[in-house]
Amino acid sequence: MVRLSEAEWKVMNLLWEEAPQTMMQLTNHLKESTGWTKHTVMTFLRRMEEKEAVRYEKGGRAKLYYPKIDRNEAALQETEEFLGKVFDGRMGLMLNTMVEKQALSREEIAELYEILRQAEEKSAEGGAL
């Protein structure tokens, strides 16, 4: 299990979108939205290497960084941790809270219906939910 900080998620999202990237490419992408310097990005990358979230290969003049963890696995882990911490692990409680606060758009509700329909089909085929 790899726990990512909010800042590390920003770096990982860039790597998941396009890899490899150098430290300077990442810095250039993040500088405007975060104000981070190359030293800040370097610190995050070193920390993320230690966590085994990223890996690098030696490029011409710079290291080329790649994500070492899968985006879907990281998102699932984060979601399960959030649900456990905030909603006692209960997806229904979270959705009920969102409905009560009118935090779901019509498009999101339609998307949820489609997800549930697909889950029901998989369940009917013999797969566990």
N, C-alpha and C. Protein backbone atom coordinates (compact mmCIF):
# COMPACT_ATOMS: atom_id res chain seq x y z
N MET A 1 0.84 -1.18 0.00
CA MET A 1 0.00 0.00 0.00
C MET A 1 0.88 1.25 0.00
N VAL A 2 0.57 2.15 -0.89
CA VAL A 2 1.30 3.41 -0.97
C VAL A 2 0.34 4.54 -0.64
N ARG A 3 0.67 5.30 0.37
CA ARG A 3 -0.15 6.46 0.73
C ARG A 3 0.45 7.69 0.08
N LEU A 4 -0.38 8.40 -0.66
CA LEU A 4 0.07 9.61 -1.33
C LEU A 4 -0.52 10.84 -0.65
N SER A 5 0.31 11.84 -0.48
CA SER A 5 -0.18 13.12 0.03
C SER A 5 -0.91 13.85 -1.10
N GLU A 6 -1.60 14.91 -0.76
CA GLU A 6 -2.31 15.70 -1.78
C GLU A 6 -1.33 16.22 -2.84
N ALA A 7 -0.18 16.67 -2.41
CA ALA A 7 0.83 17.17 -3.34
C ALA A 7 1.35 16.04 -4.24
N GLU A 8 1.57 14.88 -3.67
CA GLU A 8 2.05 13.74 -4.46
C GLU A 8 1.02 13.31 -5.50
N TRP A 9 -0.26 13.45 -5.19
CA TRP A 9 -1.30 13.14 -6.17
C TRP A 9 -1.15 14.05 -7.39
N LYS A 10 -0.79 15.31 -7.19
CA LYS A 10 -0.60 16.23 -8.31
C LYS A 10 0.51 15.74 -9.23
N VAL A 11 1.60 15.30 -8.65
CA VAL A 11 2.71 14.78 -9.43
C VAL A 11 2.30 13.49 -10.14
N MET A 12 1.66 12.59 -9.40
CA MET A 12 1.26 11.32 -9.99
C MET A 12 0.28 11.52 -11.14
N ASN A 13 -0.67 12.44 -11.00
CA ASN A 13 -1.62 12.68 -12.08
C ASN A 13 -0.92 13.11 -13.36
N LEU A 14 0.12 13.92 -13.23
CA LEU A 14 0.90 14.30 -14.43
C LEU A 14 1.60 13.10 -15.04
N LEU A 15 2.16 12.25 -14.19
CA LEU A 15 2.86 11.06 -14.71
C LEU A 15 1.89 10.06 -15.31
N TRP A 16 0.71 9.92 -14.73
CA TRP A 16 -0.29 9.01 -15.30
C TRP A 16 -0.79 9.53 -16.64
N GLU A 17 -0.85 10.84 -16.79
CA GLU A 17 -1.28 11.42 -18.06
C GLU A 17 -0.24 11.24 -19.15
N GLU A 18 1.02 11.43 -18.78
CA GLU A 18 2.09 11.31 -19.76
C GLU A 18 3.40 10.95 -19.07
N ALA A 19 3.93 9.82 -19.43
CA ALA A 19 5.21 9.38 -18.87
C ALA A 19 6.06 8.87 -20.02
N PRO A 20 7.36 9.03 -19.95
CA PRO A 20 8.11 9.60 -18.83
C PRO A 20 8.13 11.13 -18.89
N GLN A 21 8.50 11.69 -17.76
CA GLN A 21 8.75 13.13 -17.68
C GLN A 21 9.98 13.36 -16.82
N THR A 22 10.69 14.42 -17.15
CA THR A 22 11.84 14.80 -16.33
C THR A 22 11.37 15.65 -15.17
N MET A 23 12.26 15.86 -14.22
CA MET A 23 11.94 16.71 -13.08
C MET A 23 11.62 18.12 -13.56
N MET A 24 12.32 18.63 -14.55
CA MET A 24 12.07 19.97 -15.06
C MET A 24 10.72 20.05 -15.80
N GLN A 25 10.36 19.02 -16.53
CA GLN A 25 9.05 19.01 -17.19
C GLN A 25 7.94 19.06 -16.14
N LEU A 26 8.09 18.24 -15.10
CA LEU A 26 7.09 18.24 -14.02
C LEU A 26 7.04 19.60 -13.34
N THR A 27 8.21 20.19 -13.08
CA THR A 27 8.27 21.50 -12.44
C THR A 27 7.56 22.54 -13.30
N ASN A 28 7.82 22.53 -14.59
CA ASN A 28 7.18 23.50 -15.49
C ASN A 28 5.66 23.35 -15.49
N HIS A 29 5.17 22.10 -15.44
CA HIS A 29 3.72 21.88 -15.39
C HIS A 29 3.12 22.37 -14.07
N LEU A 30 3.84 22.18 -12.98
CA LEU A 30 3.30 22.46 -11.65
C LEU A 30 3.56 23.89 -11.16
N LYS A 31 4.54 24.56 -11.76
CA LYS A 31 4.95 25.87 -11.27
C LYS A 31 3.80 26.88 -11.25
N GLU A 32 3.03 26.94 -12.33
CA GLU A 32 1.96 27.93 -12.42
C GLU A 32 0.84 27.67 -11.41
N SER A 33 0.43 26.42 -11.27
CA SER A 33 -0.70 26.12 -10.39
C SER A 33 -0.31 26.02 -8.92
N THR A 34 0.95 25.71 -8.64
CA THR A 34 1.36 25.50 -7.24
C THR A 34 2.43 26.46 -6.75
N GLY A 35 3.22 27.01 -7.68
CA GLY A 35 4.34 27.86 -7.29
C GLY A 35 5.57 27.07 -6.86
N TRP A 36 5.55 25.75 -7.07
CA TRP A 36 6.67 24.92 -6.64
C TRP A 36 7.91 25.18 -7.48
N THR A 37 9.05 25.13 -6.82
CA THR A 37 10.35 25.24 -7.49
C THR A 37 10.85 23.84 -7.82
N LYS A 38 11.95 23.79 -8.57
CA LYS A 38 12.51 22.48 -8.91
C LYS A 38 12.96 21.74 -7.65
N HIS A 39 13.38 22.47 -6.63
CA HIS A 39 13.81 21.81 -5.39
C HIS A 39 12.63 21.15 -4.67
N THR A 40 11.47 21.79 -4.72
CA THR A 40 10.27 21.21 -4.12
C THR A 40 9.89 19.93 -4.87
N VAL A 41 9.85 20.00 -6.19
CA VAL A 41 9.50 18.83 -7.00
C VAL A 41 10.51 17.73 -6.78
N MET A 42 11.79 18.08 -6.70
CA MET A 42 12.84 17.09 -6.45
C MET A 42 12.61 16.38 -5.12
N THR A 43 12.22 17.13 -4.10
CA THR A 43 11.94 16.54 -2.78
C THR A 43 10.77 15.57 -2.87
N PHE A 44 9.69 15.98 -3.56
CA PHE A 44 8.54 15.08 -3.72
C PHE A 44 8.94 13.82 -4.47
N LEU A 45 9.69 13.96 -5.55
CA LEU A 45 10.09 12.79 -6.34
C LEU A 45 10.95 11.84 -5.52
N ARG A 46 11.86 12.39 -4.73
CA ARG A 46 12.72 11.54 -3.88
C ARG A 46 11.86 10.79 -2.86
N ARG A 47 10.92 11.50 -2.26
CA ARG A 47 10.02 10.87 -1.27
C ARG A 47 9.16 9.79 -1.94
N MET A 48 8.70 10.08 -3.15
CA MET A 48 7.85 9.13 -3.86
C MET A 48 8.64 7.91 -4.33
N GLU A 49 9.93 8.10 -4.63
CA GLU A 49 10.79 6.96 -4.94
C GLU A 49 10.90 6.05 -3.73
N GLU A 50 11.09 6.64 -2.55
CA GLU A 50 11.21 5.86 -1.31
C GLU A 50 9.94 5.08 -1.03
N LYS A 51 8.79 5.66 -1.37
CA LYS A 51 7.50 4.99 -1.19
C LYS A 51 7.23 3.97 -2.30
N GLU A 52 8.08 3.94 -3.31
CA GLU A 52 7.93 3.09 -4.48
C GLU A 52 6.67 3.43 -5.28
N ALA A 53 6.37 4.73 -5.36
CA ALA A 53 5.26 5.21 -6.17
C ALA A 53 5.75 5.58 -7.57
N VAL A 54 7.01 5.99 -7.67
CA VAL A 54 7.61 6.32 -8.97
C VAL A 54 8.94 5.61 -9.11
N ARG A 55 9.37 5.50 -10.35
CA ARG A 55 10.69 4.98 -10.65
C ARG A 55 11.30 5.88 -11.71
N TYR A 56 12.59 5.77 -11.89
CA TYR A 56 13.21 6.55 -12.94
C TYR A 56 14.21 5.71 -13.71
N GLU A 57 14.47 6.16 -14.92
CA GLU A 57 15.53 5.61 -15.75
C GLU A 57 16.44 6.77 -16.10
N LYS A 58 17.70 6.47 -16.24
CA LYS A 58 18.64 7.52 -16.63
C LYS A 58 18.42 7.85 -18.09
N GLY A 59 18.12 9.11 -18.36
CA GLY A 59 17.96 9.58 -19.73
C GLY A 59 19.26 10.21 -20.19
N GLY A 60 19.21 10.98 -21.24
CA GLY A 60 20.41 11.65 -21.74
C GLY A 60 21.07 12.49 -20.67
N ARG A 61 20.42 13.59 -20.29
CA ARG A 61 20.99 14.49 -19.28
C ARG A 61 20.16 14.52 -18.01
N ALA A 62 19.01 13.87 -18.03
CA ALA A 62 18.11 13.94 -16.87
C ALA A 62 17.45 12.59 -16.63
N LYS A 63 17.03 12.39 -15.40
CA LYS A 63 16.27 11.19 -15.07
C LYS A 63 14.89 11.28 -15.71
N LEU A 64 14.38 10.15 -16.17
CA LEU A 64 13.05 10.06 -16.74
C LEU A 64 12.16 9.34 -15.73
N TYR A 65 11.13 10.03 -15.25
CA TYR A 65 10.27 9.49 -14.20
C TYR A 65 9.03 8.83 -14.77
N TYR A 66 8.68 7.70 -14.19
CA TYR A 66 7.51 6.90 -14.57
C TYR A 66 6.71 6.58 -13.31
N PRO A 67 5.39 6.44 -13.45
CA PRO A 67 4.62 5.97 -12.29
C PRO A 67 4.91 4.49 -12.07
N LYS A 68 5.03 4.11 -10.84
CA LYS A 68 5.28 2.71 -10.51
C LYS A 68 4.02 2.03 -9.99
N ILE A 69 3.03 2.82 -9.65
CA ILE A 69 1.76 2.28 -9.17
C ILE A 69 0.67 2.62 -10.18
N ASP A 70 -0.35 1.78 -10.21
CA ASP A 70 -1.46 1.94 -11.13
C ASP A 70 -2.44 2.99 -10.60
N ARG A 71 -2.93 3.84 -11.48
CA ARG A 71 -3.86 4.90 -11.10
C ARG A 71 -5.13 4.32 -10.45
N ASN A 72 -5.72 3.29 -11.06
CA ASN A 72 -6.96 2.72 -10.52
C ASN A 72 -6.75 2.10 -9.15
N GLU A 73 -5.62 1.42 -8.96
CA GLU A 73 -5.33 0.83 -7.65
C GLU A 73 -5.15 1.90 -6.59
N ALA A 74 -4.46 2.99 -6.93
CA ALA A 74 -4.25 4.09 -5.98
C ALA A 74 -5.58 4.75 -5.64
N ALA A 75 -6.43 4.94 -6.66
CA ALA A 75 -7.73 5.56 -6.43
C ALA A 75 -8.61 4.68 -5.56
N LEU A 76 -8.59 3.36 -5.81
CA LEU A 76 -9.39 2.43 -5.01
C LEU A 76 -8.92 2.45 -3.56
N GLN A 77 -7.62 2.42 -3.35
CA GLN A 77 -7.07 2.45 -2.00
C GLN A 77 -7.49 3.73 -1.28
N GLU A 78 -7.37 4.86 -1.97
CA GLU A 78 -7.74 6.16 -1.38
C GLU A 78 -9.23 6.19 -1.05
N THR A 79 -10.05 5.66 -1.95
CA THR A 79 -11.50 5.64 -1.75
C THR A 79 -11.87 4.77 -0.55
N GLU A 80 -11.27 3.59 -0.47
CA GLU A 80 -11.56 2.70 0.66
C GLU A 80 -11.14 3.32 1.98
N GLU A 81 -9.99 4.00 1.98
CA GLU A 81 -9.51 4.65 3.20
C GLU A 81 -10.46 5.78 3.60
N PHE A 82 -10.88 6.59 2.61
CA PHE A 82 -11.81 7.68 2.87
C PHE A 82 -13.15 7.16 3.40
N LEU A 83 -13.70 6.16 2.73
CA LEU A 83 -14.98 5.58 3.18
C LEU A 83 -14.88 5.04 4.60
N GLY A 84 -13.78 4.36 4.87
CA GLY A 84 -13.60 3.79 6.20
C GLY A 84 -13.49 4.86 7.28
N LYS A 85 -12.76 5.91 6.97
CA LYS A 85 -12.52 6.96 7.95
C LYS A 85 -13.76 7.84 8.16
N VAL A 86 -14.44 8.22 7.08
CA VAL A 86 -15.50 9.20 7.18
C VAL A 86 -16.89 8.58 7.29
N PHE A 87 -17.11 7.44 6.60
CA PHE A 87 -18.46 6.87 6.53
C PHE A 87 -18.51 5.44 7.06
N ASP A 88 -17.57 5.08 7.92
CA ASP A 88 -17.55 3.76 8.54
C ASP A 88 -17.57 2.66 7.48
N GLY A 89 -16.97 2.96 6.31
CA GLY A 89 -16.87 1.97 5.24
C GLY A 89 -18.14 1.76 4.45
N ARG A 90 -19.14 2.60 4.63
CA ARG A 90 -20.45 2.39 4.02
C ARG A 90 -20.69 3.35 2.85
N MET A 91 -20.66 2.80 1.65
CA MET A 91 -20.90 3.58 0.44
C MET A 91 -22.30 4.18 0.45
N GLY A 92 -23.29 3.41 0.90
CA GLY A 92 -24.66 3.90 0.95
C GLY A 92 -24.81 5.15 1.81
N LEU A 93 -24.11 5.18 2.93
CA LEU A 93 -24.15 6.34 3.81
C LEU A 93 -23.56 7.56 3.12
N MET A 94 -22.48 7.36 2.39
CA MET A 94 -21.87 8.47 1.66
C MET A 94 -22.82 9.00 0.59
N LEU A 95 -23.42 8.09 -0.20
CA LEU A 95 -24.34 8.52 -1.25
C LEU A 95 -25.56 9.21 -0.67
N ASN A 96 -26.08 8.70 0.43
CA ASN A 96 -27.22 9.33 1.08
C ASN A 96 -26.88 10.75 1.51
N THR A 97 -25.69 10.95 2.04
CA THR A 97 -25.24 12.27 2.44
C THR A 97 -25.18 13.20 1.23
N MET A 98 -24.65 12.71 0.12
CA MET A 98 -24.56 13.51 -1.10
C MET A 98 -25.96 13.88 -1.61
N VAL A 99 -26.90 12.94 -1.55
CA VAL A 99 -28.27 13.20 -2.01
C VAL A 99 -28.93 14.24 -1.11
N GLU A 100 -28.79 14.08 0.20
CA GLU A 100 -29.41 15.02 1.14
C GLU A 100 -28.88 16.44 0.94
N LYS A 101 -27.63 16.57 0.59
CA LYS A 101 -27.02 17.90 0.39
C LYS A 101 -27.19 18.39 -1.04
N GLN A 102 -27.91 17.61 -1.85
CA GLN A 102 -28.14 17.92 -3.26
C GLN A 102 -26.82 18.21 -3.98
N ALA A 103 -25.85 17.36 -3.71
CA ALA A 103 -24.50 17.54 -4.25
C ALA A 103 -24.28 16.76 -5.54
N LEU A 104 -25.31 16.06 -6.02
CA LEU A 104 -25.17 15.27 -7.24
C LEU A 104 -25.95 15.92 -8.38
N SER A 105 -25.28 16.06 -9.53
CA SER A 105 -25.96 16.60 -10.70
C SER A 105 -26.78 15.50 -11.37
N ARG A 106 -27.63 15.87 -12.28
CA ARG A 106 -28.42 14.88 -13.03
C ARG A 106 -27.49 13.91 -13.77
N GLU A 107 -26.41 14.45 -14.32
CA GLU A 107 -25.46 13.60 -15.06
C GLU A 107 -24.80 12.59 -14.13
N GLU A 108 -24.45 13.01 -12.93
CA GLU A 108 -23.84 12.11 -11.96
C GLU A 108 -24.82 11.04 -11.51
N ILE A 109 -26.07 11.41 -11.33
CA ILE A 109 -27.09 10.44 -10.94
C ILE A 109 -27.28 9.41 -12.05
N ALA A 110 -27.33 9.86 -13.30
CA ALA A 110 -27.45 8.95 -14.44
C ALA A 110 -26.25 8.02 -14.51
N GLU A 111 -25.07 8.54 -14.25
CA GLU A 111 -23.86 7.73 -14.25
C GLU A 111 -23.92 6.66 -13.15
N LEU A 112 -24.42 7.04 -11.97
CA LEU A 112 -24.56 6.07 -10.88
C LEU A 112 -25.55 4.97 -11.23
N TYR A 113 -26.67 5.34 -11.86
CA TYR A 113 -27.63 4.34 -12.30
C TYR A 113 -26.96 3.34 -13.25
N GLU A 114 -26.16 3.84 -14.18
CA GLU A 114 -25.48 2.97 -15.15
C GLU A 114 -24.48 2.05 -14.44
N ILE A 115 -23.74 2.58 -13.50
CA ILE A 115 -22.77 1.77 -12.74
C ILE A 115 -23.50 0.67 -11.98
N LEU A 116 -24.61 1.01 -11.34
CA LEU A 116 -25.38 0.02 -10.59
C LEU A 116 -26.00 -1.03 -11.51
N ARG A 117 -26.46 -0.61 -12.68
CA ARG A 117 -27.02 -1.55 -13.65
C ARG A 117 -25.95 -2.55 -14.08
N GLN A 118 -24.75 -2.07 -14.36
CA GLN A 118 -23.66 -2.95 -14.76
C GLN A 118 -23.27 -3.89 -13.63
N ALA A 119 -23.26 -3.38 -12.40
CA ALA A 119 -22.94 -4.22 -11.25
C ALA A 119 -23.98 -5.31 -11.08
N GLU A 120 -25.23 -4.97 -11.30
CA GLU A 120 -26.31 -5.94 -11.19
C GLU A 120 -26.16 -7.03 -12.26
N GLU A 121 -25.81 -6.64 -13.48
CA GLU A 121 -25.59 -7.61 -14.56
C GLU A 121 -24.45 -8.58 -14.21
N LYS A 122 -23.35 -8.03 -13.69
CA LYS A 122 -22.22 -8.86 -13.30
C LYS A 122 -22.61 -9.83 -12.19
N SER A 123 -23.41 -9.33 -11.26
CA SER A 123 -23.87 -10.18 -10.17
C SER A 123 -24.75 -11.31 -10.68
N ALA A 124 -25.61 -11.00 -11.65
CA ALA A 124 -26.50 -12.02 -12.23
C ALA A 124 -25.72 -13.07 -13.01
N GLU A 125 -24.55 -12.68 -13.53
CA GLU A 125 -23.69 -13.60 -14.27
C GLU A 125 -22.89 -14.50 -13.33
N GLY A 126 -23.03 -14.26 -12.07
CA GLY A 126 -22.33 -15.12 -11.11
C GLY A 126 -21.13 -14.48 -10.44
N GLY A 127 -20.83 -13.25 -10.81
CA GLY A 127 -19.72 -12.55 -10.17
C GLY A 127 -20.14 -11.95 -8.86
N ALA A 128 -19.22 -11.88 -7.93
CA ALA A 128 -19.52 -11.26 -6.64
C ALA A 128 -19.32 -9.78 -6.74
N LEU A 129 -20.07 -9.02 -5.96
CA LEU A 129 -19.91 -7.56 -5.93
C LEU A 129 -18.91 -7.15 -4.91
